[in-house]
Amino acid sequence: MSDRRLPSLSAVQAAARFSNRRLTPEEFQAYVDAPVSEAEREEALRLIRWFKKRYPTPAERLAYAQRAYARWTAHRR
């Protein structure tokens, strides 16, 4: 059994409030204008390479996207 503890309810609620807040136009623009670090860029490229290896053809990528969309929208009903 893991010795890691789950976060408290108040921590989860605080994280939800923060992540669901509305940004001001200035906050949004600052986020959009922020430069991408080299580490972020490399991680994105690594994930893209993995995805393209796992789903090598456009048809396979589209089929994955359709399955994923169906999963995501199934929880909204």
N, C-alpha and C. Protein backbone atom coordinates (compact mmCIF):
# COMPACT_ATOMS: atom_id res chain seq x y z
N MET A 1 0.84 -1.19 0.00
CA MET A 1 0.00 0.00 0.00
C MET A 1 0.88 1.24 0.00
N SER A 2 0.51 2.24 -0.73
CA SER A 2 1.28 3.46 -0.84
C SER A 2 1.17 4.28 0.44
N ASP A 3 2.23 4.96 0.79
CA ASP A 3 2.18 5.83 1.96
C ASP A 3 1.84 7.26 1.59
N ARG A 4 1.52 7.49 0.31
CA ARG A 4 1.11 8.83 -0.10
C ARG A 4 -0.31 9.09 0.36
N ARG A 5 -0.54 10.31 0.83
CA ARG A 5 -1.87 10.68 1.30
C ARG A 5 -2.60 11.47 0.23
N LEU A 6 -3.90 11.34 0.23
CA LEU A 6 -4.72 12.12 -0.69
C LEU A 6 -4.78 13.57 -0.21
N PRO A 7 -4.96 14.51 -1.12
CA PRO A 7 -5.07 15.91 -0.68
C PRO A 7 -6.36 16.11 0.12
N SER A 8 -6.34 17.10 0.97
CA SER A 8 -7.52 17.40 1.78
C SER A 8 -8.63 17.95 0.88
N LEU A 9 -9.84 17.88 1.38
CA LEU A 9 -10.99 18.43 0.64
C LEU A 9 -10.80 19.91 0.40
N SER A 10 -10.30 20.63 1.39
CA SER A 10 -10.11 22.07 1.20
C SER A 10 -9.05 22.35 0.13
N ALA A 11 -8.02 21.53 0.04
CA ALA A 11 -7.01 21.72 -1.00
C ALA A 11 -7.60 21.45 -2.38
N VAL A 12 -8.42 20.42 -2.49
CA VAL A 12 -9.07 20.10 -3.76
C VAL A 12 -10.01 21.24 -4.16
N GLN A 13 -10.77 21.75 -3.21
CA GLN A 13 -11.69 22.85 -3.50
C GLN A 13 -10.94 24.11 -3.92
N ALA A 14 -9.83 24.40 -3.24
CA ALA A 14 -9.03 25.58 -3.60
C ALA A 14 -8.45 25.43 -5.01
N ALA A 15 -7.98 24.24 -5.34
CA ALA A 15 -7.45 24.00 -6.69
C ALA A 15 -8.54 24.14 -7.73
N ALA A 16 -9.75 23.64 -7.43
CA ALA A 16 -10.87 23.76 -8.36
C ALA A 16 -11.24 25.22 -8.57
N ARG A 17 -11.29 26.00 -7.49
CA ARG A 17 -11.61 27.43 -7.63
C ARG A 17 -10.58 28.13 -8.49
N PHE A 18 -9.31 27.82 -8.26
CA PHE A 18 -8.24 28.46 -9.02
C PHE A 18 -8.31 28.07 -10.50
N SER A 19 -8.49 26.79 -10.78
CA SER A 19 -8.47 26.33 -12.17
C SER A 19 -9.73 26.71 -12.93
N ASN A 20 -10.82 26.96 -12.24
CA ASN A 20 -12.09 27.29 -12.90
C ASN A 20 -12.37 28.79 -12.91
N ARG A 21 -11.43 29.59 -12.42
CA ARG A 21 -11.68 31.03 -12.37
C ARG A 21 -11.66 31.63 -13.77
N ARG A 22 -12.28 32.78 -13.91
CA ARG A 22 -12.23 33.51 -15.18
C ARG A 22 -11.04 34.44 -15.15
N LEU A 23 -10.28 34.40 -16.22
CA LEU A 23 -9.13 35.28 -16.33
C LEU A 23 -9.57 36.64 -16.86
N THR A 24 -8.87 37.66 -16.41
CA THR A 24 -9.09 38.98 -17.00
C THR A 24 -8.46 38.95 -18.39
N PRO A 25 -8.85 39.87 -19.24
CA PRO A 25 -8.20 39.93 -20.55
C PRO A 25 -6.67 40.09 -20.44
N GLU A 26 -6.23 40.85 -19.44
CA GLU A 26 -4.78 41.05 -19.26
C GLU A 26 -4.10 39.74 -18.83
N GLU A 27 -4.72 38.98 -17.93
CA GLU A 27 -4.15 37.70 -17.49
C GLU A 27 -4.07 36.73 -18.66
N PHE A 28 -5.13 36.69 -19.45
CA PHE A 28 -5.14 35.81 -20.61
C PHE A 28 -4.03 36.18 -21.59
N GLN A 29 -3.90 37.46 -21.89
CA GLN A 29 -2.89 37.90 -22.84
C GLN A 29 -1.49 37.60 -22.32
N ALA A 30 -1.27 37.78 -21.03
CA ALA A 30 0.04 37.47 -20.45
C ALA A 30 0.35 35.98 -20.59
N TYR A 31 -0.65 35.14 -20.40
CA TYR A 31 -0.46 33.69 -20.56
C TYR A 31 -0.13 33.35 -22.01
N VAL A 32 -0.87 33.93 -22.93
CA VAL A 32 -0.66 33.66 -24.36
C VAL A 32 0.71 34.17 -24.82
N ASP A 33 1.13 35.29 -24.30
CA ASP A 33 2.39 35.90 -24.73
C ASP A 33 3.62 35.31 -24.04
N ALA A 34 3.42 34.50 -23.01
CA ALA A 34 4.56 33.95 -22.27
C ALA A 34 5.38 33.05 -23.18
N PRO A 35 6.68 33.19 -23.13
CA PRO A 35 7.52 32.34 -24.00
C PRO A 35 7.48 30.88 -23.54
N VAL A 36 7.63 29.99 -24.48
CA VAL A 36 7.68 28.56 -24.19
C VAL A 36 9.13 28.21 -23.85
N SER A 37 9.31 27.53 -22.73
CA SER A 37 10.67 27.15 -22.35
C SER A 37 11.16 26.01 -23.24
N GLU A 38 12.47 25.84 -23.27
CA GLU A 38 13.04 24.75 -24.06
C GLU A 38 12.55 23.41 -23.54
N ALA A 39 12.39 23.27 -22.23
CA ALA A 39 11.90 22.01 -21.66
C ALA A 39 10.47 21.73 -22.10
N GLU A 40 9.62 22.77 -22.10
CA GLU A 40 8.24 22.59 -22.56
C GLU A 40 8.19 22.20 -24.03
N ARG A 41 9.03 22.85 -24.82
CA ARG A 41 9.09 22.56 -26.24
C ARG A 41 9.52 21.11 -26.48
N GLU A 42 10.56 20.68 -25.80
CA GLU A 42 11.04 19.30 -25.95
C GLU A 42 10.00 18.29 -25.51
N GLU A 43 9.29 18.58 -24.43
CA GLU A 43 8.25 17.66 -23.96
C GLU A 43 7.12 17.56 -24.98
N ALA A 44 6.71 18.69 -25.54
CA ALA A 44 5.66 18.67 -26.56
C ALA A 44 6.10 17.85 -27.78
N LEU A 45 7.34 18.06 -28.21
CA LEU A 45 7.85 17.32 -29.37
C LEU A 45 7.97 15.82 -29.06
N ARG A 46 8.35 15.48 -27.83
CA ARG A 46 8.43 14.08 -27.43
C ARG A 46 7.05 13.42 -27.49
N LEU A 47 6.04 14.13 -26.99
CA LEU A 47 4.67 13.60 -27.02
C LEU A 47 4.16 13.46 -28.45
N ILE A 48 4.48 14.40 -29.29
CA ILE A 48 4.07 14.33 -30.70
C ILE A 48 4.72 13.13 -31.37
N ARG A 49 6.02 12.93 -31.12
CA ARG A 49 6.71 11.77 -31.71
C ARG A 49 6.07 10.46 -31.23
N TRP A 50 5.74 10.37 -29.93
CA TRP A 50 5.10 9.16 -29.40
C TRP A 50 3.75 8.94 -30.09
N PHE A 51 2.96 10.00 -30.18
CA PHE A 51 1.63 9.88 -30.77
C PHE A 51 1.72 9.43 -32.22
N LYS A 52 2.64 10.01 -32.97
CA LYS A 52 2.79 9.65 -34.38
C LYS A 52 3.30 8.22 -34.55
N LYS A 53 4.09 7.74 -33.59
CA LYS A 53 4.55 6.36 -33.64
C LYS A 53 3.41 5.41 -33.28
N ARG A 54 2.63 5.78 -32.28
CA ARG A 54 1.51 4.94 -31.84
C ARG A 54 0.39 4.91 -32.88
N TYR A 55 0.15 6.05 -33.52
CA TYR A 55 -0.91 6.18 -34.54
C TYR A 55 -0.25 6.73 -35.82
N PRO A 56 0.41 5.87 -36.60
CA PRO A 56 1.25 6.34 -37.70
C PRO A 56 0.51 6.93 -38.90
N THR A 57 -0.75 6.59 -39.11
CA THR A 57 -1.43 7.12 -40.30
C THR A 57 -2.49 8.14 -39.89
N PRO A 58 -2.83 9.05 -40.80
CA PRO A 58 -3.89 10.01 -40.50
C PRO A 58 -5.21 9.31 -40.13
N ALA A 59 -5.52 8.20 -40.77
CA ALA A 59 -6.76 7.49 -40.45
C ALA A 59 -6.74 6.97 -39.01
N GLU A 60 -5.59 6.46 -38.56
CA GLU A 60 -5.49 5.98 -37.19
C GLU A 60 -5.60 7.12 -36.18
N ARG A 61 -5.03 8.26 -36.54
CA ARG A 61 -5.11 9.43 -35.65
C ARG A 61 -6.54 9.94 -35.55
N LEU A 62 -7.22 9.96 -36.68
CA LEU A 62 -8.61 10.39 -36.68
C LEU A 62 -9.48 9.42 -35.89
N ALA A 63 -9.27 8.14 -36.07
CA ALA A 63 -10.05 7.13 -35.32
C ALA A 63 -9.81 7.30 -33.83
N TYR A 64 -8.55 7.56 -33.41
CA TYR A 64 -8.27 7.80 -32.00
C TYR A 64 -9.04 9.02 -31.50
N ALA A 65 -8.98 10.11 -32.26
CA ALA A 65 -9.67 11.34 -31.86
C ALA A 65 -11.17 11.11 -31.73
N GLN A 66 -11.74 10.34 -32.63
CA GLN A 66 -13.18 10.06 -32.55
C GLN A 66 -13.51 9.23 -31.31
N ARG A 67 -12.69 8.23 -31.00
CA ARG A 67 -12.91 7.42 -29.79
C ARG A 67 -12.76 8.28 -28.54
N ALA A 68 -11.73 9.11 -28.51
CA ALA A 68 -11.50 9.97 -27.35
C ALA A 68 -12.65 10.95 -27.17
N TYR A 69 -13.11 11.54 -28.25
CA TYR A 69 -14.24 12.49 -28.17
C TYR A 69 -15.48 11.78 -27.63
N ALA A 70 -15.72 10.57 -28.10
CA ALA A 70 -16.88 9.81 -27.61
C ALA A 70 -16.75 9.55 -26.11
N ARG A 71 -15.55 9.22 -25.63
CA ARG A 71 -15.35 9.00 -24.20
C ARG A 71 -15.59 10.28 -23.42
N TRP A 72 -15.03 11.39 -23.90
CA TRP A 72 -15.14 12.66 -23.19
C TRP A 72 -16.58 13.14 -23.11
N THR A 73 -17.32 12.99 -24.21
CA THR A 73 -18.70 13.48 -24.21
C THR A 73 -19.65 12.51 -23.51
N ALA A 74 -19.28 11.24 -23.36
CA ALA A 74 -20.14 10.28 -22.67
C ALA A 74 -20.33 10.67 -21.21
N HIS A 75 -19.36 11.32 -20.62
CA HIS A 75 -19.43 11.71 -19.21
C HIS A 75 -20.26 12.97 -19.00
N ARG A 76 -20.60 13.65 -20.05
CA ARG A 76 -21.36 14.89 -19.95
C ARG A 76 -22.86 14.66 -19.97
N ARG A 77 -23.26 13.46 -20.36
CA ARG A 77 -24.70 13.18 -20.52
C ARG A 77 -25.37 12.92 -19.21
